[in-house]
Amino acid sequence: MTDRELDEMMHLDWPIVVKRAMRDGDDWVRSFALSIKRQAKRPDWRPTPKQAALMRAMVTEARRGAGGDDPGELVE
């Protein structure tokens, strides 16, 4: 993950991921989302490959909306 990708993800996508995790996620998802949010405040922090893969999956899911149960949901 490049520095630019990480910056964009943390500023544009991660707040949405955290909100969704707090609303709909289980304990592990909430804990992971908040942990990444805290770690990203450190200027020298970079996600591990496993963290980056999970982060990308969570961003994709958050962008998709309600989780696929409602395919007619409109995202504006």
PDB file of N, CA and C in Angstrom:
ATOM      1  N   MET A   1       0.856  -1.169   0.000  1.00  0.00           N
ATOM      2  CA  MET A   1       0.000   0.000   0.000  1.00  0.00           C
ATOM      3  C   MET A   1       0.903   1.233   0.000  1.00  0.00           C
ATOM      4  N   THR A   2       0.665   2.093  -0.955  1.00  0.00           N
ATOM      5  CA  THR A   2       1.483   3.305  -1.037  1.00  0.00           C
ATOM      6  C   THR A   2       1.054   4.302   0.040  1.00  0.00           C
ATOM      7  N   ASP A   3       1.917   5.285   0.277  1.00  0.00           N
ATOM      8  CA  ASP A   3       1.577   6.326   1.245  1.00  0.00           C
ATOM      9  C   ASP A   3       0.308   7.061   0.824  1.00  0.00           C
ATOM     10  N   ARG A   4       0.196   7.321  -0.466  1.00  0.00           N
ATOM     11  CA  ARG A   4      -0.993   8.030  -0.965  1.00  0.00           C
ATOM     12  C   ARG A   4      -2.257   7.201  -0.757  1.00  0.00           C
ATOM     13  N   GLU A   5      -2.199   5.905  -1.078  1.00  0.00           N
ATOM     14  CA  GLU A   5      -3.352   5.024  -0.857  1.00  0.00           C
ATOM     15  C   GLU A   5      -3.754   5.008   0.611  1.00  0.00           C
ATOM     16  N   LEU A   6      -2.752   4.916   1.479  1.00  0.00           N
ATOM     17  CA  LEU A   6      -3.018   4.891   2.908  1.00  0.00           C
ATOM     18  C   LEU A   6      -3.652   6.201   3.369  1.00  0.00           C
ATOM     19  N   ASP A   7      -3.105   7.327   2.933  1.00  0.00           N
ATOM     20  CA  ASP A   7      -3.663   8.634   3.304  1.00  0.00           C
ATOM     21  C   ASP A   7      -5.109   8.767   2.838  1.00  0.00           C
ATOM     22  N   GLU A   8      -5.369   8.406   1.597  1.00  0.00           N
ATOM     23  CA  GLU A   8      -6.730   8.505   1.071  1.00  0.00           C
ATOM     24  C   GLU A   8      -7.683   7.591   1.835  1.00  0.00           C
ATOM     25  N   MET A   9      -7.234   6.379   2.101  1.00  0.00           N
ATOM     26  CA  MET A   9      -8.086   5.439   2.819  1.00  0.00           C
ATOM     27  C   MET A   9      -8.411   5.955   4.218  1.00  0.00           C
ATOM     28  N   MET A  10      -7.398   6.451   4.912  1.00  0.00           N
ATOM     29  CA  MET A  10      -7.607   6.882   6.288  1.00  0.00           C
ATOM     30  C   MET A  10      -8.452   8.155   6.372  1.00  0.00           C
ATOM     31  N   HIS A  11      -8.337   9.032   5.397  1.00  0.00           N
ATOM     32  CA  HIS A  11      -9.087  10.289   5.446  1.00  0.00           C
ATOM     33  C   HIS A  11     -10.468  10.204   4.801  1.00  0.00           C
ATOM     34  N   LEU A  12     -10.591   9.438   3.740  1.00  0.00           N
ATOM     35  CA  LEU A  12     -11.862   9.391   3.015  1.00  0.00           C
ATOM     36  C   LEU A  12     -12.727   8.192   3.387  1.00  0.00           C
ATOM     37  N   ASP A  13     -12.123   7.030   3.496  1.00  0.00           N
ATOM     38  CA  ASP A  13     -12.895   5.799   3.665  1.00  0.00           C
ATOM     39  C   ASP A  13     -12.987   5.309   5.102  1.00  0.00           C
ATOM     40  N   TRP A  14     -11.915   5.460   5.860  1.00  0.00           N
ATOM     41  CA  TRP A  14     -11.894   4.825   7.176  1.00  0.00           C
ATOM     42  C   TRP A  14     -12.943   5.394   8.137  1.00  0.00           C
ATOM     43  N   PRO A  15     -13.235   6.685   8.117  1.00  0.00           N
ATOM     44  CA  PRO A  15     -14.320   7.165   8.997  1.00  0.00           C
ATOM     45  C   PRO A  15     -15.655   6.456   8.717  1.00  0.00           C
ATOM     46  N   ILE A  16     -15.927   6.161   7.457  1.00  0.00           N
ATOM     47  CA  ILE A  16     -17.149   5.434   7.101  1.00  0.00           C
ATOM     48  C   ILE A  16     -17.075   4.005   7.609  1.00  0.00           C
ATOM     49  N   VAL A  17     -15.910   3.383   7.469  1.00  0.00           N
ATOM     50  CA  VAL A  17     -15.719   2.013   7.953  1.00  0.00           C
ATOM     51  C   VAL A  17     -15.941   1.959   9.462  1.00  0.00           C
ATOM     52  N   VAL A  18     -15.379   2.920  10.189  1.00  0.00           N
ATOM     53  CA  VAL A  18     -15.516   2.934  11.650  1.00  0.00           C
ATOM     54  C   VAL A  18     -16.984   3.105  12.048  1.00  0.00           C
ATOM     55  N   LYS A  19     -17.684   4.040  11.406  1.00  0.00           N
ATOM     56  CA  LYS A  19     -19.104   4.243  11.724  1.00  0.00           C
ATOM     57  C   LYS A  19     -19.905   2.976  11.479  1.00  0.00           C
ATOM     58  N   ARG A  20     -19.633   2.339  10.359  1.00  0.00           N
ATOM     59  CA  ARG A  20     -20.362   1.109  10.033  1.00  0.00           C
ATOM     60  C   ARG A  20     -20.011  -0.010  11.010  1.00  0.00           C
ATOM     61  N   ALA A  21     -18.739  -0.110  11.379  1.00  0.00           N
ATOM     62  CA  ALA A  21     -18.318  -1.137  12.334  1.00  0.00           C
ATOM     63  C   ALA A  21     -18.986  -0.928  13.689  1.00  0.00           C
ATOM     64  N   MET A  22     -19.094   0.321  14.101  1.00  0.00           N
ATOM     65  CA  MET A  22     -19.717   0.614  15.393  1.00  0.00           C
ATOM     66  C   MET A  22     -21.216   0.283  15.357  1.00  0.00           C
ATOM     67  N   ARG A  23     -21.826   0.468  14.199  1.00  0.00           N
ATOM     68  CA  ARG A  23     -23.256   0.225  14.065  1.00  0.00           C
ATOM     69  C   ARG A  23     -23.569  -1.254  13.844  1.00  0.00           C
ATOM     70  N   ASP A  24     -22.828  -1.889  12.937  1.00  0.00           N
ATOM     71  CA  ASP A  24     -23.212  -3.225  12.474  1.00  0.00           C
ATOM     72  C   ASP A  24     -22.209  -4.334  12.800  1.00  0.00           C
ATOM     73  N   GLY A  25     -21.010  -3.973  13.201  1.00  0.00           N
ATOM     74  CA  GLY A  25     -19.960  -4.981  13.337  1.00  0.00           C
ATOM     75  C   GLY A  25     -20.005  -5.748  14.633  1.00  0.00           C
ATOM     76  N   ASP A  26     -19.366  -6.903  14.613  1.00  0.00           N
ATOM     77  CA  ASP A  26     -19.210  -7.653  15.853  1.00  0.00           C
ATOM     78  C   ASP A  26     -18.042  -7.060  16.643  1.00  0.00           C
ATOM     79  N   ASP A  27     -17.756  -7.619  17.791  1.00  0.00           N
ATOM     80  CA  ASP A  27     -16.706  -7.062  18.660  1.00  0.00           C
ATOM     81  C   ASP A  27     -15.354  -6.994  17.955  1.00  0.00           C
ATOM     82  N   TRP A  28     -15.004  -8.034  17.199  1.00  0.00           N
ATOM     83  CA  TRP A  28     -13.704  -8.052  16.538  1.00  0.00           C
ATOM     84  C   TRP A  28     -13.607  -6.958  15.485  1.00  0.00           C
ATOM     85  N   VAL A  29     -14.655  -6.793  14.696  1.00  0.00           N
ATOM     86  CA  VAL A  29     -14.663  -5.778  13.636  1.00  0.00           C
ATOM     87  C   VAL A  29     -14.540  -4.386  14.247  1.00  0.00           C
ATOM     88  N   ARG A  30     -15.305  -4.119  15.295  1.00  0.00           N
ATOM     89  CA  ARG A  30     -15.221  -2.813  15.963  1.00  0.00           C
ATOM     90  C   ARG A  30     -13.823  -2.584  16.516  1.00  0.00           C
ATOM     91  N   SER A  31     -13.273  -3.585  17.165  1.00  0.00           N
ATOM     92  CA  SER A  31     -11.946  -3.471  17.756  1.00  0.00           C
ATOM     93  C   SER A  31     -10.883  -3.215  16.692  1.00  0.00           C
ATOM     94  N   PHE A  32     -10.955  -3.935  15.580  1.00  0.00           N
ATOM     95  CA  PHE A  32      -9.984  -3.768  14.506  1.00  0.00           C
ATOM     96  C   PHE A  32     -10.082  -2.371  13.905  1.00  0.00           C
ATOM     97  N   ALA A  33     -11.299  -1.933  13.600  1.00  0.00           N
ATOM     98  CA  ALA A  33     -11.493  -0.608  12.988  1.00  0.00           C
ATOM     99  C   ALA A  33     -10.953   0.499  13.894  1.00  0.00           C
ATOM    100  N   LEU A  34     -11.247   0.413  15.183  1.00  0.00           N
ATOM    101  CA  LEU A  34     -10.764   1.436  16.118  1.00  0.00           C
ATOM    102  C   LEU A  34      -9.255   1.352  16.318  1.00  0.00           C
ATOM    103  N   SER A  35      -8.715   0.139  16.306  1.00  0.00           N
ATOM    104  CA  SER A  35      -7.278  -0.038  16.458  1.00  0.00           C
ATOM    105  C   SER A  35      -6.526   0.592  15.288  1.00  0.00           C
ATOM    106  N   ILE A  36      -7.014   0.375  14.080  1.00  0.00           N
ATOM    107  CA  ILE A  36      -6.382   0.971  12.900  1.00  0.00           C
ATOM    108  C   ILE A  36      -6.479   2.493  12.976  1.00  0.00           C
ATOM    109  N   LYS A  37      -7.630   2.994  13.384  1.00  0.00           N
ATOM    110  CA  LYS A  37      -7.808   4.447  13.523  1.00  0.00           C
ATOM    111  C   LYS A  37      -6.771   5.031  14.488  1.00  0.00           C
ATOM    112  N   ARG A  38      -6.544   4.347  15.617  1.00  0.00           N
ATOM    113  CA  ARG A  38      -5.552   4.825  16.598  1.00  0.00           C
ATOM    114  C   ARG A  38      -4.129   4.730  16.049  1.00  0.00           C
ATOM    115  N   GLN A  39      -3.803   3.589  15.451  1.00  0.00           N
ATOM    116  CA  GLN A  39      -2.444   3.382  14.947  1.00  0.00           C
ATOM    117  C   GLN A  39      -2.086   4.369  13.845  1.00  0.00           C
ATOM    118  N   ALA A  40      -3.077   4.716  13.020  1.00  0.00           N
ATOM    119  CA  ALA A  40      -2.828   5.604  11.878  1.00  0.00           C
ATOM    120  C   ALA A  40      -2.428   7.014  12.313  1.00  0.00           C
ATOM    121  N   LYS A  41      -2.646   7.345  13.552  1.00  0.00           N
ATOM    122  CA  LYS A  41      -2.242   8.665  14.058  1.00  0.00           C
ATOM    123  C   LYS A  41      -0.727   8.774  14.210  1.00  0.00           C
ATOM    124  N   ARG A  42      -0.053   7.629  14.288  1.00  0.00           N
ATOM    125  CA  ARG A  42       1.409   7.635  14.394  1.00  0.00           C
ATOM    126  C   ARG A  42       2.013   7.871  13.020  1.00  0.00           C
ATOM    127  N   PRO A  43       2.854   8.867  12.856  1.00  0.00           N
ATOM    128  CA  PRO A  43       3.378   9.197  11.521  1.00  0.00           C
ATOM    129  C   PRO A  43       4.195   8.070  10.877  1.00  0.00           C
ATOM    130  N   ASP A  44       4.792   7.215  11.678  1.00  0.00           N
ATOM    131  CA  ASP A  44       5.635   6.148  11.122  1.00  0.00           C
ATOM    132  C   ASP A  44       4.883   4.832  10.909  1.00  0.00           C
ATOM    133  N   TRP A  45       3.595   4.793  11.212  1.00  0.00           N
ATOM    134  CA  TRP A  45       2.831   3.552  11.116  1.00  0.00           C
ATOM    135  C   TRP A  45       2.480   3.226   9.669  1.00  0.00           C
ATOM    136  N   ARG A  46       2.619   1.969   9.329  1.00  0.00           N
ATOM    137  CA  ARG A  46       2.168   1.423   8.054  1.00  0.00           C
ATOM    138  C   ARG A  46       1.506   0.080   8.367  1.00  0.00           C
ATOM    139  N   PRO A  47       0.396  -0.233   7.702  1.00  0.00           N
ATOM    140  CA  PRO A  47      -0.260  -1.510   7.980  1.00  0.00           C
ATOM    141  C   PRO A  47       0.584  -2.680   7.491  1.00  0.00           C
ATOM    142  N   THR A  48       0.471  -3.779   8.220  1.00  0.00           N
ATOM    143  CA  THR A  48       1.097  -5.017   7.758  1.00  0.00           C
ATOM    144  C   THR A  48       0.331  -5.483   6.523  1.00  0.00           C
ATOM    145  N   PRO A  49       0.894  -6.394   5.752  1.00  0.00           N
ATOM    146  CA  PRO A  49       0.153  -6.906   4.588  1.00  0.00           C
ATOM    147  C   PRO A  49      -1.217  -7.484   4.969  1.00  0.00           C
ATOM    148  N   LYS A  50      -1.294  -8.181   6.090  1.00  0.00           N
ATOM    149  CA  LYS A  50      -2.575  -8.746   6.524  1.00  0.00           C
ATOM    150  C   LYS A  50      -3.553  -7.637   6.901  1.00  0.00           C
ATOM    151  N   GLN A  51      -3.079  -6.625   7.636  1.00  0.00           N
ATOM    152  CA  GLN A  51      -3.942  -5.495   7.981  1.00  0.00           C
ATOM    153  C   GLN A  51      -4.424  -4.778   6.719  1.00  0.00           C
ATOM    154  N   ALA A  52      -3.520  -4.550   5.775  1.00  0.00           N
ATOM    155  CA  ALA A  52      -3.874  -3.847   4.545  1.00  0.00           C
ATOM    156  C   ALA A  52      -4.951  -4.606   3.777  1.00  0.00           C
ATOM    157  N   ALA A  53      -4.838  -5.936   3.714  1.00  0.00           N
ATOM    158  CA  ALA A  53      -5.839  -6.737   3.017  1.00  0.00           C
ATOM    159  C   ALA A  53      -7.198  -6.640   3.704  1.00  0.00           C
ATOM    160  N   LEU A  54      -7.202  -6.705   5.025  1.00  0.00           N
ATOM    161  CA  LEU A  54      -8.449  -6.577   5.770  1.00  0.00           C
ATOM    162  C   LEU A  54      -9.043  -5.182   5.621  1.00  0.00           C
ATOM    163  N   MET A  55      -8.187  -4.176   5.641  1.00  0.00           N
ATOM    164  CA  MET A  55      -8.655  -2.799   5.482  1.00  0.00           C
ATOM    165  C   MET A  55      -9.312  -2.612   4.115  1.00  0.00           C
ATOM    166  N   ARG A  56      -8.674  -3.122   3.077  1.00  0.00           N
ATOM    167  CA  ARG A  56      -9.245  -2.998   1.732  1.00  0.00           C
ATOM    168  C   ARG A  56     -10.593  -3.694   1.643  1.00  0.00           C
ATOM    169  N   ALA A  57     -10.690  -4.877   2.249  1.00  0.00           N
ATOM    170  CA  ALA A  57     -11.963  -5.609   2.234  1.00  0.00           C
ATOM    171  C   ALA A  57     -13.044  -4.839   2.989  1.00  0.00           C
ATOM    172  N   MET A  58     -12.690  -4.234   4.111  1.00  0.00           N
ATOM    173  CA  MET A  58     -13.667  -3.472   4.889  1.00  0.00           C
ATOM    174  C   MET A  58     -14.109  -2.214   4.140  1.00  0.00           C
ATOM    175  N   VAL A  59     -13.185  -1.570   3.448  1.00  0.00           N
ATOM    176  CA  VAL A  59     -13.532  -0.384   2.650  1.00  0.00           C
ATOM    177  C   VAL A  59     -14.473  -0.788   1.511  1.00  0.00           C
ATOM    178  N   THR A  60     -14.156  -1.873   0.836  1.00  0.00           N
ATOM    179  CA  THR A  60     -15.011  -2.359  -0.248  1.00  0.00           C
ATOM    180  C   THR A  60     -16.410  -2.642   0.270  1.00  0.00           C
ATOM    181  N   GLU A  61     -16.502  -3.299   1.399  1.00  0.00           N
ATOM    182  CA  GLU A  61     -17.799  -3.623   1.994  1.00  0.00           C
ATOM    183  C   GLU A  61     -18.552  -2.352   2.395  1.00  0.00           C
ATOM    184  N   ALA A  62     -17.861  -1.403   2.973  1.00  0.00           N
ATOM    185  CA  ALA A  62     -18.504  -0.144   3.376  1.00  0.00           C
ATOM    186  C   ALA A  62     -19.010   0.621   2.160  1.00  0.00           C
ATOM    187  N   ARG A  63     -18.249   0.599   1.082  1.00  0.00           N
ATOM    188  CA  ARG A  63     -18.672   1.287  -0.144  1.00  0.00           C
ATOM    189  C   ARG A  63     -19.886   0.610  -0.765  1.00  0.00           C
ATOM    190  N   ARG A  64     -19.981  -0.694  -0.570  1.00  0.00           N
ATOM    191  CA  ARG A  64     -21.081  -1.451  -1.159  1.00  0.00           C
ATOM    192  C   ARG A  64     -22.407  -1.112  -0.487  1.00  0.00           C
ATOM    193  N   GLY A  65     -22.370  -0.687   0.762  1.00  0.00           N
ATOM    194  CA  GLY A  65     -23.609  -0.293   1.438  1.00  0.00           C
ATOM    195  C   GLY A  65     -24.003  -1.237   2.545  1.00  0.00           C
ATOM    196  N   ALA A  66     -25.219  -1.701   2.509  1.00  0.00           N
ATOM    197  CA  ALA A  66     -25.812  -2.453   3.614  1.00  0.00           C
ATOM    198  C   ALA A  66     -25.333  -3.896   3.703  1.00  0.00           C
ATOM    199  N   GLY A  67     -24.444  -4.317   2.860  1.00  0.00           N
ATOM    200  CA  GLY A  67     -23.900  -5.655   2.965  1.00  0.00           C
ATOM    201  C   GLY A  67     -24.476  -6.645   1.962  1.00  0.00           C
ATOM    202  N   GLY A  68     -25.187  -6.146   0.983  1.00  0.00           N
ATOM    203  CA  GLY A  68     -25.665  -7.020  -0.062  1.00  0.00           C
ATOM    204  C   GLY A  68     -27.046  -7.589   0.177  1.00  0.00           C
ATOM    205  N   ASP A  69     -27.613  -7.438   1.369  1.00  0.00           N
ATOM    206  CA  ASP A  69     -28.950  -7.966   1.630  1.00  0.00           C
ATOM    207  C   ASP A  69     -30.013  -7.153   0.914  1.00  0.00           C
ATOM    208  N   ASP A  70     -29.718  -5.893   0.601  1.00  0.00           N
ATOM    209  CA  ASP A  70     -30.665  -4.997  -0.042  1.00  0.00           C
ATOM    210  C   ASP A  70     -30.058  -4.475  -1.342  1.00  0.00           C
ATOM    211  N   PRO A  71     -30.160  -5.246  -2.426  1.00  0.00           N
ATOM    212  CA  PRO A  71     -29.513  -4.837  -3.668  1.00  0.00           C
ATOM    213  C   PRO A  71     -30.103  -3.568  -4.268  1.00  0.00           C
ATOM    214  N   GLY A  72     -31.286  -3.135  -3.808  1.00  0.00           N
ATOM    215  CA  GLY A  72     -31.902  -1.947  -4.348  1.00  0.00           C
ATOM    216  C   GLY A  72     -31.527  -0.683  -3.621  1.00  0.00           C
ATOM    217  N   GLU A  73     -30.626  -0.766  -2.644  1.00  0.00           N
ATOM    218  CA  GLU A  73     -30.249   0.412  -1.882  1.00  0.00           C
ATOM    219  C   GLU A  73     -29.508   1.419  -2.781  1.00  0.00           C
ATOM    220  N   LEU A  74     -29.909   2.650  -2.700  1.00  0.00           N
ATOM    221  CA  LEU A  74     -29.299   3.713  -3.489  1.00  0.00           C
ATOM    222  C   LEU A  74     -28.253   4.417  -2.653  1.00  0.00           C
ATOM    223  N   VAL A  75     -27.043   4.489  -3.166  1.00  0.00           N
ATOM    224  CA  VAL A  75     -25.961   5.189  -2.496  1.00  0.00           C
ATOM    225  C   VAL A  75     -25.677   6.440  -3.299  1.00  0.00           C
ATOM    226  N   GLU A  76     -25.835   7.588  -2.684  1.00  0.00           N
ATOM    227  CA  GLU A  76     -25.634   8.865  -3.402  1.00  0.00           C
ATOM    228  C   GLU A  76     -24.319   9.480  -3.031  1.00  0.00           C
TER     229      GLU A  76
END
